[in-house]
Amino acid sequence: MKSAGSAMNTIPLIFNERQINRTIIGGRVKQTEAVMDVSVILLNSNGSHFRLQTLETLSKCGFASVISIEPDSGNFNIEEISRRMPSVKFIIPLEKVTDGDMINIGMSEVDSSYVLVLRDSLYISAGVLQPRLADHLTAKGNYCIVPRLLDSAKNALPVQFSPSAQHGHLKIVQSSVVTDGMKTLYPFDYIGLYNRLKFIQLGGFDYTITSPYYQNLDLALRSWLWGEETTLSTRFLFSFIETVPIEDMTADLTYLHFYLKNLLPRVRFDHGMIPDASFLTFLVHSSCGFFESHRQFKDAQQWVDTNKFRFHTDIQHLIENWVIEK
C-alpha cells in the first residue's frame, strides 16, 4: 500500500456532499410512456456500439425517467440524440469522477421511489423491467434488489456474496447458485434496483473511496450494518454483451476509509462506536505514519459517533449471524 502523500479528504457525512460540475442536456420532456415508479441510470463507458439502441429501448420501457451518464461528450452527438429522445437526460461530469459519483449524481436528478442502475456493457431488451415485476421486486421495500447476471456465453456469474472471516480478516465468499429472495452482501459492479430514499439516507457512495470495488462494498456493507437488506431475484436477469468486468480487490490508500467505517466499529448496547484501543490495530494497517493515521482515526471516530444510533450490528455479529438471518 502506498504511503500518504497528502491528507485524505474527510469522510462525507451527508448524501451528495461533493458537488460536481456537470453539463446537463435534454430531459426537459416527461416520459410519455411512464408507468412505473422506477427511474433508470445508465452508466456509459464510451465503448458500446449499442448505446443508441439501448437508449431507445429504455425510453420506451415505461420508466419514470431515464438518465444517461456520459464520461465525455466526444464519442457521439448527444445534442442530436437528445432531439430525437427529448425525455432522456444526458449528464456529462466536467471533472474526474468515480462510478459512485455518477450514480449519486443520477440519484439527485430523479424523484422516483426506486432507481435501476445499469451499464452499457449489458444487453438490454425491450422487456428489461415489466410493471408487474417492478411491483413484485419493490413490495418489501428492500434497500437493493440484485439481478442474476450472465456472461456473453450465457453462463451464470457469481452474484451471491457472503461475508466470512479468515485469520481475523474479512473474506467474501461468492456463489453463482442463487434462489429467489436470497440475501447478498453487495450488487456486482453496482448493478441493481435501489430504493432511492434509503440510498440517500445511507449517504450514497463515498467519493473519497476511489477503488470501485471498495466504494461499492463500503455502501453495501454500511447498509447491512445500519439494518437494511440487499436480496437477489431470480426473475430479474441481465447478460453482458462482451467482457465481464473483473473486480480489482487491491487495497489502495482509500481502502483505509472503508476499513475505518465498516470493520473497526463495534456495537455496544444501543449504539456504534470505535474504541480508542483500536487505534494500534489501525496503525498497523495504515502505512500512513503516526500523525496521519491518528487524524484519519479520529475523523472516523467522529463519523461513527455522528451516526452511532444508526448501527444495528457490527461486522463480527453480521458474519456470525449471516447464515441464520432471513
C-alpha atoms as a PDB file:
ATOM      1  CA  MET A   1       0.000   0.000   0.000  1.00  0.00           C
ATOM      2  CA  LYS A   2       1.281   3.424  -0.903  1.00  0.00           C
ATOM      3  CA  SER A   3       2.133   5.917   1.789  1.00  0.00           C
ATOM      4  CA  ALA A   4       0.100   9.089   2.087  1.00  0.00           C
ATOM      5  CA  GLY A   5       1.478  11.976   0.113  1.00  0.00           C
ATOM      6  CA  SER A   6      -1.193  14.344   1.420  1.00  0.00           C
ATOM      7  CA  ALA A   7      -4.069  14.229   3.829  1.00  0.00           C
ATOM      8  CA  MET A   8      -7.119  12.361   2.575  1.00  0.00           C
ATOM      9  CA  ASN A   9     -10.479  14.082   2.377  1.00  0.00           C
ATOM     10  CA  THR A  10     -12.634  13.701   5.468  1.00  0.00           C
ATOM     11  CA  ILE A  11     -15.431  11.125   5.407  1.00  0.00           C
ATOM     12  CA  PRO A  12     -18.605  12.674   3.942  1.00  0.00           C
ATOM     13  CA  LEU A  13     -21.475  12.991   6.422  1.00  0.00           C
ATOM     14  CA  ILE A  14     -24.362  13.586   4.019  1.00  0.00           C
ATOM     15  CA  PHE A  15     -25.533  12.447   0.599  1.00  0.00           C
ATOM     16  CA  ASN A  16     -24.016  14.311  -2.348  1.00  0.00           C
ATOM     17  CA  GLU A  17     -21.665  16.265  -0.117  1.00  0.00           C
ATOM     18  CA  ARG A  18     -19.325  16.638  -3.089  1.00  0.00           C
ATOM     19  CA  GLN A  19     -20.841  18.937  -5.698  1.00  0.00           C
ATOM     20  CA  ILE A  20     -19.535  18.004  -9.149  1.00  0.00           C
ATOM     21  CA  ASN A  21     -19.504  20.401 -12.095  1.00  0.00           C
ATOM     22  CA  ARG A  22     -21.524  18.922 -14.926  1.00  0.00           C
ATOM     23  CA  THR A  23     -23.339  19.645 -18.159  1.00  0.00           C
ATOM     24  CA  ILE A  24     -26.950  18.508 -18.484  1.00  0.00           C
ATOM     25  CA  ILE A  25     -28.585  18.080 -21.878  1.00  0.00           C
ATOM     26  CA  GLY A  26     -32.210  17.118 -22.518  1.00  0.00           C
ATOM     27  CA  GLY A  27     -34.637  15.559 -20.098  1.00  0.00           C
ATOM     28  CA  ARG A  28     -36.989  18.532 -20.168  1.00  0.00           C
ATOM     29  CA  VAL A  29     -39.824  16.426 -21.567  1.00  0.00           C
ATOM     30  CA  LYS A  30     -41.503  13.911 -19.275  1.00  0.00           C
ATOM     31  CA  GLN A  31     -41.556  10.243 -20.188  1.00  0.00           C
ATOM     32  CA  THR A  32     -44.875   9.940 -22.035  1.00  0.00           C
ATOM     33  CA  GLU A  33     -44.970   6.173 -21.530  1.00  0.00           C
ATOM     34  CA  ALA A  34     -44.069   6.256 -17.809  1.00  0.00           C
ATOM     35  CA  VAL A  35     -45.997   3.533 -15.965  1.00  0.00           C
ATOM     36  CA  MET A  36     -43.544   2.646 -13.174  1.00  0.00           C
ATOM     37  CA  ASP A  37     -42.309   4.480 -10.096  1.00  0.00           C
ATOM     38  CA  VAL A  38     -38.819   3.460 -11.209  1.00  0.00           C
ATOM     39  CA  SER A  39     -36.132   5.500 -12.974  1.00  0.00           C
ATOM     40  CA  VAL A  40     -33.065   4.141 -14.713  1.00  0.00           C
ATOM     41  CA  ILE A  41     -29.462   5.333 -14.603  1.00  0.00           C
ATOM     42  CA  LEU A  42     -27.310   4.115 -17.482  1.00  0.00           C
ATOM     43  CA  LEU A  43     -23.561   4.272 -16.854  1.00  0.00           C
ATOM     44  CA  ASN A  44     -21.682   4.592 -20.118  1.00  0.00           C
ATOM     45  CA  SER A  45     -18.090   3.629 -20.789  1.00  0.00           C
ATOM     46  CA  ASN A  46     -17.577   5.045 -24.279  1.00  0.00           C
ATOM     47  CA  GLY A  47     -17.142   1.517 -25.571  1.00  0.00           C
ATOM     48  CA  SER A  48     -20.631   0.350 -26.512  1.00  0.00           C
ATOM     49  CA  HIS A  49     -21.775   0.145 -30.130  1.00  0.00           C
ATOM     50  CA  PHE A  50     -25.367  -0.316 -28.963  1.00  0.00           C
ATOM     51  CA  ARG A  51     -25.802   2.872 -26.972  1.00  0.00           C
ATOM     52  CA  LEU A  52     -28.354   4.488 -29.282  1.00  0.00           C
ATOM     53  CA  GLN A  53     -30.357   1.259 -29.463  1.00  0.00           C
ATOM     54  CA  THR A  54     -30.161   0.869 -25.688  1.00  0.00           C
ATOM     55  CA  LEU A  55     -31.377   4.417 -25.046  1.00  0.00           C
ATOM     56  CA  GLU A  56     -34.259   3.983 -27.492  1.00  0.00           C
ATOM     57  CA  THR A  57     -35.241   0.775 -25.723  1.00  0.00           C
ATOM     58  CA  LEU A  58     -35.060   2.304 -22.248  1.00  0.00           C
ATOM     59  CA  SER A  59     -37.078   5.350 -23.303  1.00  0.00           C
ATOM     60  CA  LYS A  60     -39.947   3.026 -24.293  1.00  0.00           C
ATOM     61  CA  CYS A  61     -39.916   0.767 -21.233  1.00  0.00           C
ATOM     62  CA  GLY A  62     -42.197   2.809 -19.014  1.00  0.00           C
ATOM     63  CA  PHE A  63     -39.596   4.214 -16.626  1.00  0.00           C
ATOM     64  CA  ALA A  64     -40.407   7.430 -14.777  1.00  0.00           C
ATOM     65  CA  SER A  65     -37.186   8.939 -16.146  1.00  0.00           C
ATOM     66  CA  VAL A  66     -34.034   7.862 -17.973  1.00  0.00           C
ATOM     67  CA  ILE A  67     -30.630   9.261 -17.020  1.00  0.00           C
ATOM     68  CA  SER A  68     -27.602   8.616 -19.236  1.00  0.00           C
ATOM     69  CA  ILE A  69     -24.280   9.415 -17.561  1.00  0.00           C
ATOM     70  CA  GLU A  70     -21.602  10.165 -20.148  1.00  0.00           C
ATOM     71  CA  PRO A  71     -17.874  10.046 -19.349  1.00  0.00           C
ATOM     72  CA  ASP A  72     -17.354  12.709 -22.044  1.00  0.00           C
ATOM     73  CA  SER A  73     -19.240  14.320 -24.896  1.00  0.00           C
ATOM     74  CA  GLY A  74     -16.856  13.442 -27.693  1.00  0.00           C
ATOM     75  CA  ASN A  75     -17.981   9.929 -28.505  1.00  0.00           C
ATOM     76  CA  PHE A  76     -21.245  10.730 -30.256  1.00  0.00           C
ATOM     77  CA  ASN A  77     -23.567  13.622 -30.944  1.00  0.00           C
ATOM     78  CA  ILE A  78     -25.525  13.987 -27.716  1.00  0.00           C
ATOM     79  CA  GLU A  79     -27.308  17.102 -28.959  1.00  0.00           C
ATOM     80  CA  GLU A  80     -28.692  15.249 -31.965  1.00  0.00           C
ATOM     81  CA  ILE A  81     -29.764  12.211 -29.951  1.00  0.00           C
ATOM     82  CA  SER A  82     -31.345  14.463 -27.333  1.00  0.00           C
ATOM     83  CA  ARG A  83     -33.546  15.991 -30.026  1.00  0.00           C
ATOM     84  CA  ARG A  84     -34.662  12.503 -31.060  1.00  0.00           C
ATOM     85  CA  MET A  85     -35.246  11.416 -27.437  1.00  0.00           C
ATOM     86  CA  PRO A  86     -36.077  14.613 -25.515  1.00  0.00           C
ATOM     87  CA  SER A  87     -37.173  12.717 -22.402  1.00  0.00           C
ATOM     88  CA  VAL A  88     -33.692  11.241 -21.832  1.00  0.00           C
ATOM     89  CA  LYS A  89     -31.454  13.368 -19.634  1.00  0.00           C
ATOM     90  CA  PHE A  90     -27.748  13.261 -20.529  1.00  0.00           C
ATOM     91  CA  ILE A  91     -25.297  14.195 -17.786  1.00  0.00           C
ATOM     92  CA  ILE A  92     -21.626  14.887 -18.534  1.00  0.00           C
ATOM     93  CA  PRO A  93     -19.352  15.355 -15.489  1.00  0.00           C
ATOM     94  CA  LEU A  94     -16.785  18.087 -16.129  1.00  0.00           C
ATOM     95  CA  GLU A  95     -14.211  16.619 -13.741  1.00  0.00           C
ATOM     96  CA  LYS A  96     -12.806  13.224 -12.918  1.00  0.00           C
ATOM     97  CA  VAL A  97     -15.425  11.139 -11.130  1.00  0.00           C
ATOM     98  CA  THR A  98     -15.870   7.649  -9.744  1.00  0.00           C
ATOM     99  CA  ASP A  99     -18.672   5.257 -10.656  1.00  0.00           C
ATOM    100  CA  GLY A 100     -20.239   6.051  -7.298  1.00  0.00           C
ATOM    101  CA  ASP A 101     -20.118   9.781  -8.064  1.00  0.00           C
ATOM    102  CA  MET A 102     -22.009   9.173 -11.298  1.00  0.00           C
ATOM    103  CA  ILE A 103     -24.708   7.163  -9.526  1.00  0.00           C
ATOM    104  CA  ASN A 104     -25.002   9.824  -6.796  1.00  0.00           C
ATOM    105  CA  ILE A 105     -25.492  12.461  -9.489  1.00  0.00           C
ATOM    106  CA  GLY A 106     -28.163  10.368 -11.179  1.00  0.00           C
ATOM    107  CA  MET A 107     -29.984   9.756  -7.897  1.00  0.00           C
ATOM    108  CA  SER A 108     -30.136  13.510  -7.267  1.00  0.00           C
ATOM    109  CA  GLU A 109     -31.715  14.104 -10.688  1.00  0.00           C
ATOM    110  CA  VAL A 110     -34.732  11.792 -10.290  1.00  0.00           C
ATOM    111  CA  ASP A 111     -37.658  11.658  -7.874  1.00  0.00           C
ATOM    112  CA  SER A 112     -38.943   8.087  -8.301  1.00  0.00           C
ATOM    113  CA  SER A 113     -39.066   5.668  -5.368  1.00  0.00           C
ATOM    114  CA  TYR A 114     -36.687   3.184  -6.988  1.00  0.00           C
ATOM    115  CA  VAL A 115     -33.776   3.531  -9.394  1.00  0.00           C
ATOM    116  CA  LEU A 116     -32.377   0.812 -11.635  1.00  0.00           C
ATOM    117  CA  VAL A 117     -28.623   1.172 -12.222  1.00  0.00           C
ATOM    118  CA  LEU A 118     -27.397  -0.399 -15.472  1.00  0.00           C
ATOM    119  CA  ARG A 119     -24.277  -0.323 -17.643  1.00  0.00           C
ATOM    120  CA  ASP A 120     -23.906  -0.029 -21.392  1.00  0.00           C
ATOM    121  CA  SER A 121     -21.981  -3.328 -21.319  1.00  0.00           C
ATOM    122  CA  LEU A 122     -25.263  -5.171 -20.643  1.00  0.00           C
ATOM    123  CA  TYR A 123     -27.722  -6.440 -23.221  1.00  0.00           C
ATOM    124  CA  ILE A 124     -30.935  -4.536 -22.532  1.00  0.00           C
ATOM    125  CA  SER A 125     -34.094  -5.911 -24.101  1.00  0.00           C
ATOM    126  CA  ALA A 126     -37.484  -4.294 -24.568  1.00  0.00           C
ATOM    127  CA  GLY A 127     -38.784  -6.249 -21.559  1.00  0.00           C
ATOM    128  CA  VAL A 128     -35.986  -5.137 -19.253  1.00  0.00           C
ATOM    129  CA  LEU A 129     -38.432  -4.483 -16.398  1.00  0.00           C
ATOM    130  CA  GLN A 130     -42.176  -5.010 -16.616  1.00  0.00           C
ATOM    131  CA  PRO A 131     -44.517  -3.045 -14.308  1.00  0.00           C
ATOM    132  CA  ARG A 132     -45.819  -6.187 -12.596  1.00  0.00           C
ATOM    133  CA  LEU A 133     -42.275  -7.395 -11.925  1.00  0.00           C
ATOM    134  CA  ALA A 134     -41.288  -3.947 -10.645  1.00  0.00           C
ATOM    135  CA  ASP A 135     -44.190  -4.056  -8.180  1.00  0.00           C
ATOM    136  CA  HIS A 136     -43.130  -7.534  -7.047  1.00  0.00           C
ATOM    137  CA  LEU A 137     -39.476  -6.591  -6.605  1.00  0.00           C
ATOM    138  CA  THR A 138     -40.222  -3.446  -4.607  1.00  0.00           C
ATOM    139  CA  ALA A 139     -43.110  -4.790  -2.493  1.00  0.00           C
ATOM    140  CA  LYS A 140     -40.964  -5.415   0.607  1.00  0.00           C
ATOM    141  CA  GLY A 141     -39.188  -2.057   0.382  1.00  0.00           C
ATOM    142  CA  ASN A 142     -35.701  -3.597   0.472  1.00  0.00           C
ATOM    143  CA  TYR A 143     -32.753  -1.261   0.007  1.00  0.00           C
ATOM    144  CA  CYS A 144     -31.413  -3.070  -3.066  1.00  0.00           C
ATOM    145  CA  ILE A 145     -32.587  -5.912  -5.312  1.00  0.00           C
ATOM    146  CA  VAL A 146     -29.868  -7.603  -7.354  1.00  0.00           C
ATOM    147  CA  PRO A 147     -30.479  -9.402 -10.676  1.00  0.00           C
ATOM    148  CA  ARG A 148     -28.954 -12.622 -11.894  1.00  0.00           C
ATOM    149  CA  LEU A 149     -26.120 -11.937 -14.324  1.00  0.00           C
ATOM    150  CA  LEU A 150     -24.824 -13.996 -17.238  1.00  0.00           C
ATOM    151  CA  ASP A 151     -21.687 -13.685 -19.345  1.00  0.00           C
ATOM    152  CA  SER A 152     -21.852 -13.408 -23.141  1.00  0.00           C
ATOM    153  CA  ALA A 153     -21.977 -17.218 -23.416  1.00  0.00           C
ATOM    154  CA  LYS A 154     -24.991 -17.289 -21.051  1.00  0.00           C
ATOM    155  CA  ASN A 155     -23.056 -18.791 -18.161  1.00  0.00           C
ATOM    156  CA  ALA A 156     -24.223 -17.765 -14.696  1.00  0.00           C
ATOM    157  CA  LEU A 157     -21.921 -15.323 -12.913  1.00  0.00           C
ATOM    158  CA  PRO A 158     -21.341 -15.209  -9.153  1.00  0.00           C
ATOM    159  CA  VAL A 159     -23.818 -12.688  -7.756  1.00  0.00           C
ATOM    160  CA  GLN A 160     -24.312 -14.074  -4.254  1.00  0.00           C
ATOM    161  CA  PHE A 161     -21.689 -12.720  -1.864  1.00  0.00           C
ATOM    162  CA  SER A 162     -21.435 -13.651   1.808  1.00  0.00           C
ATOM    163  CA  PRO A 163     -19.160 -12.182   4.482  1.00  0.00           C
ATOM    164  CA  SER A 164     -16.852 -14.503   6.413  1.00  0.00           C
ATOM    165  CA  ALA A 165     -13.703 -14.235   8.491  1.00  0.00           C
ATOM    166  CA  GLN A 166     -10.326 -15.786   7.763  1.00  0.00           C
ATOM    167  CA  HIS A 167      -7.422 -15.280  10.179  1.00  0.00           C
ATOM    168  CA  GLY A 168      -9.160 -12.225  11.582  1.00  0.00           C
ATOM    169  CA  HIS A 169      -9.705 -10.598   8.169  1.00  0.00           C
ATOM    170  CA  LEU A 170     -12.884 -10.063   6.160  1.00  0.00           C
ATOM    171  CA  LYS A 171     -13.279 -12.586   3.358  1.00  0.00           C
ATOM    172  CA  ILE A 172     -16.045 -12.542   0.758  1.00  0.00           C
ATOM    173  CA  VAL A 173     -17.394 -15.919  -0.350  1.00  0.00           C
ATOM    174  CA  GLN A 174     -19.099 -15.900  -3.746  1.00  0.00           C
ATOM    175  CA  SER A 175     -21.524 -18.221  -5.490  1.00  0.00           C
ATOM    176  CA  SER A 176     -23.455 -18.360  -8.768  1.00  0.00           C
ATOM    177  CA  VAL A 177     -26.094 -20.664  -7.243  1.00  0.00           C
ATOM    178  CA  VAL A 178     -28.980 -18.496  -6.083  1.00  0.00           C
ATOM    179  CA  THR A 179     -32.585 -18.767  -5.005  1.00  0.00           C
ATOM    180  CA  ASP A 180     -35.209 -16.066  -5.166  1.00  0.00           C
ATOM    181  CA  GLY A 181     -35.049 -13.692  -2.204  1.00  0.00           C
ATOM    182  CA  MET A 182     -31.607 -14.895  -1.095  1.00  0.00           C
ATOM    183  CA  LYS A 183     -29.559 -12.187   0.560  1.00  0.00           C
ATOM    184  CA  THR A 184     -26.263 -10.977  -0.848  1.00  0.00           C
ATOM    185  CA  LEU A 185     -23.709  -8.606   0.641  1.00  0.00           C
ATOM    186  CA  TYR A 186     -23.429  -6.296  -2.367  1.00  0.00           C
ATOM    187  CA  PRO A 187     -24.532  -5.843  -6.011  1.00  0.00           C
ATOM    188  CA  PHE A 188     -21.929  -6.903  -8.560  1.00  0.00           C
ATOM    189  CA  ASP A 189     -20.476  -3.926 -10.470  1.00  0.00           C
ATOM    190  CA  TYR A 190     -23.068  -1.585  -8.850  1.00  0.00           C
ATOM    191  CA  ILE A 191     -25.847  -3.190 -10.955  1.00  0.00           C
ATOM    192  CA  GLY A 192     -29.147  -3.321  -9.108  1.00  0.00           C
ATOM    193  CA  LEU A 193     -32.525  -1.818  -8.275  1.00  0.00           C
ATOM    194  CA  TYR A 194     -32.081   0.678  -5.429  1.00  0.00           C
ATOM    195  CA  ASN A 195     -34.579   2.199  -3.013  1.00  0.00           C
ATOM    196  CA  ARG A 196     -33.778   5.856  -3.652  1.00  0.00           C
ATOM    197  CA  LEU A 197     -34.829   7.231  -0.238  1.00  0.00           C
ATOM    198  CA  LYS A 198     -32.821   4.593   1.634  1.00  0.00           C
ATOM    199  CA  PHE A 199     -29.867   5.188  -0.690  1.00  0.00           C
ATOM    200  CA  ILE A 200     -29.901   8.886   0.232  1.00  0.00           C
ATOM    201  CA  GLN A 201     -30.399   8.161   3.944  1.00  0.00           C
ATOM    202  CA  LEU A 202     -27.349   5.864   3.839  1.00  0.00           C
ATOM    203  CA  GLY A 203     -25.320   8.737   2.393  1.00  0.00           C
ATOM    204  CA  GLY A 204     -24.825   7.306  -1.085  1.00  0.00           C
ATOM    205  CA  PHE A 205     -21.410   6.268  -2.364  1.00  0.00           C
ATOM    206  CA  ASP A 206     -18.364   7.694  -0.616  1.00  0.00           C
ATOM    207  CA  TYR A 207     -16.434   9.778  -3.156  1.00  0.00           C
ATOM    208  CA  THR A 208     -13.274   9.609  -1.030  1.00  0.00           C
ATOM    209  CA  ILE A 209     -13.011   5.867  -1.768  1.00  0.00           C
ATOM    210  CA  THR A 210     -11.757   5.728  -5.355  1.00  0.00           C
ATOM    211  CA  SER A 211     -11.377   1.952  -5.672  1.00  0.00           C
ATOM    212  CA  PRO A 212     -14.575   0.805  -7.477  1.00  0.00           C
ATOM    213  CA  TYR A 213     -14.632  -2.470  -5.550  1.00  0.00           C
ATOM    214  CA  TYR A 214     -14.272  -0.943  -2.092  1.00  0.00           C
ATOM    215  CA  GLN A 215     -16.514   2.008  -2.894  1.00  0.00           C
ATOM    216  CA  ASN A 216     -19.267  -0.426  -3.872  1.00  0.00           C
ATOM    217  CA  LEU A 217     -18.592  -2.680  -0.881  1.00  0.00           C
ATOM    218  CA  ASP A 218     -18.470   0.317   1.505  1.00  0.00           C
ATOM    219  CA  LEU A 219     -22.042   1.433   0.855  1.00  0.00           C
ATOM    220  CA  ALA A 220     -23.365  -2.118   0.673  1.00  0.00           C
ATOM    221  CA  LEU A 221     -21.751  -3.181   3.943  1.00  0.00           C
ATOM    222  CA  ARG A 222     -22.845   0.047   5.626  1.00  0.00           C
ATOM    223  CA  SER A 223     -26.422  -0.720   4.577  1.00  0.00           C
ATOM    224  CA  TRP A 224     -26.268  -4.086   6.343  1.00  0.00           C
ATOM    225  CA  LEU A 225     -24.651  -2.609   9.462  1.00  0.00           C
ATOM    226  CA  TRP A 226     -27.393   0.023   9.539  1.00  0.00           C
ATOM    227  CA  GLY A 227     -30.203  -2.530   9.284  1.00  0.00           C
ATOM    228  CA  GLU A 228     -31.008  -2.613   5.557  1.00  0.00           C
ATOM    229  CA  GLU A 229     -31.083  -5.627   3.235  1.00  0.00           C
ATOM    230  CA  THR A 230     -29.912  -6.485  -0.265  1.00  0.00           C
ATOM    231  CA  THR A 231     -31.528  -9.517  -1.864  1.00  0.00           C
ATOM    232  CA  LEU A 232     -31.383 -11.428  -5.128  1.00  0.00           C
ATOM    233  CA  SER A 233     -34.176 -12.039  -7.584  1.00  0.00           C
ATOM    234  CA  THR A 234     -34.167 -14.996  -9.970  1.00  0.00           C
ATOM    235  CA  ARG A 235     -36.890 -13.265 -12.036  1.00  0.00           C
ATOM    236  CA  PHE A 236     -34.581 -10.369 -12.822  1.00  0.00           C
ATOM    237  CA  LEU A 237     -31.768 -11.121 -15.285  1.00  0.00           C
ATOM    238  CA  PHE A 238     -29.184  -9.389 -17.487  1.00  0.00           C
ATOM    239  CA  SER A 239     -26.321 -10.654 -19.617  1.00  0.00           C
ATOM    240  CA  PHE A 240     -23.074  -8.953 -20.557  1.00  0.00           C
ATOM    241  CA  ILE A 241     -22.544  -8.295 -24.235  1.00  0.00           C
ATOM    242  CA  GLU A 242     -18.810  -8.878 -24.201  1.00  0.00           C
ATOM    243  CA  THR A 243     -16.186  -8.996 -21.436  1.00  0.00           C
ATOM    244  CA  VAL A 244     -17.303  -9.316 -17.850  1.00  0.00           C
ATOM    245  CA  PRO A 245     -15.575  -6.724 -15.625  1.00  0.00           C
ATOM    246  CA  ILE A 246     -13.031  -8.081 -13.175  1.00  0.00           C
ATOM    247  CA  GLU A 247     -13.313  -6.909  -9.582  1.00  0.00           C
ATOM    248  CA  ASP A 248      -9.981  -5.413  -8.529  1.00  0.00           C
ATOM    249  CA  MET A 249      -9.703  -6.073  -4.791  1.00  0.00           C
ATOM    250  CA  THR A 250      -6.314  -4.400  -4.479  1.00  0.00           C
ATOM    251  CA  ALA A 251      -6.280  -2.235  -1.360  1.00  0.00           C
ATOM    252  CA  ASP A 252      -5.240   1.284  -2.340  1.00  0.00           C
ATOM    253  CA  LEU A 253      -4.825   4.189   0.055  1.00  0.00           C
ATOM    254  CA  THR A 254      -8.541   4.999   0.015  1.00  0.00           C
ATOM    255  CA  TYR A 255      -9.277   1.478   1.289  1.00  0.00           C
ATOM    256  CA  LEU A 256      -8.497   2.881   4.728  1.00  0.00           C
ATOM    257  CA  HIS A 257     -11.789   4.768   4.808  1.00  0.00           C
ATOM    258  CA  PHE A 258     -13.623   1.515   4.054  1.00  0.00           C
ATOM    259  CA  TYR A 259     -11.691  -0.214   6.828  1.00  0.00           C
ATOM    260  CA  LEU A 260     -12.340   2.534   9.365  1.00  0.00           C
ATOM    261  CA  LYS A 261     -16.052   2.904   8.608  1.00  0.00           C
ATOM    262  CA  ASN A 262     -17.014  -0.745   8.371  1.00  0.00           C
ATOM    263  CA  LEU A 263     -14.508  -3.050  10.052  1.00  0.00           C
ATOM    264  CA  LEU A 264     -13.489  -1.122  13.179  1.00  0.00           C
ATOM    265  CA  PRO A 265     -16.881  -0.003  14.588  1.00  0.00           C
ATOM    266  CA  ARG A 266     -18.397  -2.093  17.392  1.00  0.00           C
ATOM    267  CA  VAL A 267     -21.953  -2.014  18.661  1.00  0.00           C
ATOM    268  CA  ARG A 268     -22.203  -1.524  22.417  1.00  0.00           C
ATOM    269  CA  PHE A 269     -25.716  -1.666  23.890  1.00  0.00           C
ATOM    270  CA  ASP A 270     -27.724   0.591  21.535  1.00  0.00           C
ATOM    271  CA  HIS A 271     -25.053   2.393  19.524  1.00  0.00           C
ATOM    272  CA  GLY A 272     -21.956   2.055  17.376  1.00  0.00           C
ATOM    273  CA  MET A 273     -18.514   3.264  18.378  1.00  0.00           C
ATOM    274  CA  ILE A 274     -14.836   2.841  17.533  1.00  0.00           C
ATOM    275  CA  PRO A 275     -12.919   2.012  20.731  1.00  0.00           C
ATOM    276  CA  ASP A 276      -9.773   4.068  21.361  1.00  0.00           C
ATOM    277  CA  ALA A 277      -7.898   0.786  21.732  1.00  0.00           C
ATOM    278  CA  SER A 278      -8.499   0.070  18.030  1.00  0.00           C
ATOM    279  CA  PHE A 279      -6.037   2.767  17.022  1.00  0.00           C
ATOM    280  CA  LEU A 280      -2.994   0.491  17.315  1.00  0.00           C
ATOM    281  CA  THR A 281      -4.722  -2.075  15.111  1.00  0.00           C
ATOM    282  CA  PHE A 282      -5.420   0.603  12.524  1.00  0.00           C
ATOM    283  CA  LEU A 283      -1.894   1.990  12.731  1.00  0.00           C
ATOM    284  CA  VAL A 284      -0.525  -1.417  11.717  1.00  0.00           C
ATOM    285  CA  HIS A 285      -2.817  -1.474   8.657  1.00  0.00           C
ATOM    286  CA  SER A 286      -2.463   2.147   7.572  1.00  0.00           C
ATOM    287  CA  SER A 287       1.163   2.629   6.417  1.00  0.00           C
ATOM    288  CA  CYS A 288       0.476   6.375   6.724  1.00  0.00           C
ATOM    289  CA  GLY A 289       2.697   7.239   9.626  1.00  0.00           C
ATOM    290  CA  PHE A 290       1.540   8.020  13.146  1.00  0.00           C
ATOM    291  CA  PHE A 291       0.162  11.556  12.735  1.00  0.00           C
ATOM    292  CA  GLU A 292      -1.796  10.969   9.515  1.00  0.00           C
ATOM    293  CA  SER A 293      -3.117   7.668  10.877  1.00  0.00           C
ATOM    294  CA  HIS A 294      -4.223   9.398  14.059  1.00  0.00           C
ATOM    295  CA  ARG A 295      -6.005  12.133  12.073  1.00  0.00           C
ATOM    296  CA  GLN A 296      -7.894   9.603   9.972  1.00  0.00           C
ATOM    297  CA  PHE A 297      -8.751   7.501  13.005  1.00  0.00           C
ATOM    298  CA  LYS A 298     -10.204  10.495  14.870  1.00  0.00           C
ATOM    299  CA  ASP A 299     -12.129  11.533  11.753  1.00  0.00           C
ATOM    300  CA  ALA A 300     -13.655   8.040  11.571  1.00  0.00           C
ATOM    301  CA  GLN A 301     -14.488   8.060  15.275  1.00  0.00           C
ATOM    302  CA  GLN A 302     -16.347  11.339  14.785  1.00  0.00           C
ATOM    303  CA  TRP A 303     -18.196   9.946  11.739  1.00  0.00           C
ATOM    304  CA  VAL A 304     -19.262   6.853  13.667  1.00  0.00           C
ATOM    305  CA  ASP A 305     -20.289   8.942  16.672  1.00  0.00           C
ATOM    306  CA  THR A 306     -22.461  11.158  14.447  1.00  0.00           C
ATOM    307  CA  ASN A 307     -24.179   8.035  13.095  1.00  0.00           C
ATOM    308  CA  LYS A 308     -23.923   5.913  16.244  1.00  0.00           C
ATOM    309  CA  PHE A 309     -27.630   5.216  16.679  1.00  0.00           C
ATOM    310  CA  ARG A 310     -27.921   4.026  13.080  1.00  0.00           C
ATOM    311  CA  PHE A 311     -25.721   0.992  13.708  1.00  0.00           C
ATOM    312  CA  HIS A 312     -27.808  -2.142  14.222  1.00  0.00           C
ATOM    313  CA  THR A 313     -24.870  -4.529  14.209  1.00  0.00           C
ATOM    314  CA  ASP A 314     -21.138  -4.692  13.568  1.00  0.00           C
ATOM    315  CA  ILE A 315     -19.040  -6.779  11.199  1.00  0.00           C
ATOM    316  CA  GLN A 316     -18.349  -9.500  13.756  1.00  0.00           C
ATOM    317  CA  HIS A 317     -22.015 -10.101  14.523  1.00  0.00           C
ATOM    318  CA  LEU A 318     -23.012  -9.714  10.863  1.00  0.00           C
ATOM    319  CA  ILE A 319     -20.674 -12.570   9.932  1.00  0.00           C
ATOM    320  CA  GLU A 320     -21.749 -14.721  12.882  1.00  0.00           C
ATOM    321  CA  ASN A 321     -25.452 -14.307  12.126  1.00  0.00           C
ATOM    322  CA  TRP A 322     -25.338 -14.221   8.329  1.00  0.00           C
ATOM    323  CA  VAL A 323     -26.474 -17.815   7.781  1.00  0.00           C
ATOM    324  CA  ILE A 324     -29.457 -17.687  10.128  1.00  0.00           C
ATOM    325  CA  GLU A 325     -30.740 -14.253   9.136  1.00  0.00           C
ATOM    326  CA  LYS A 326     -33.744 -14.178   6.852  1.00  0.00           C
END
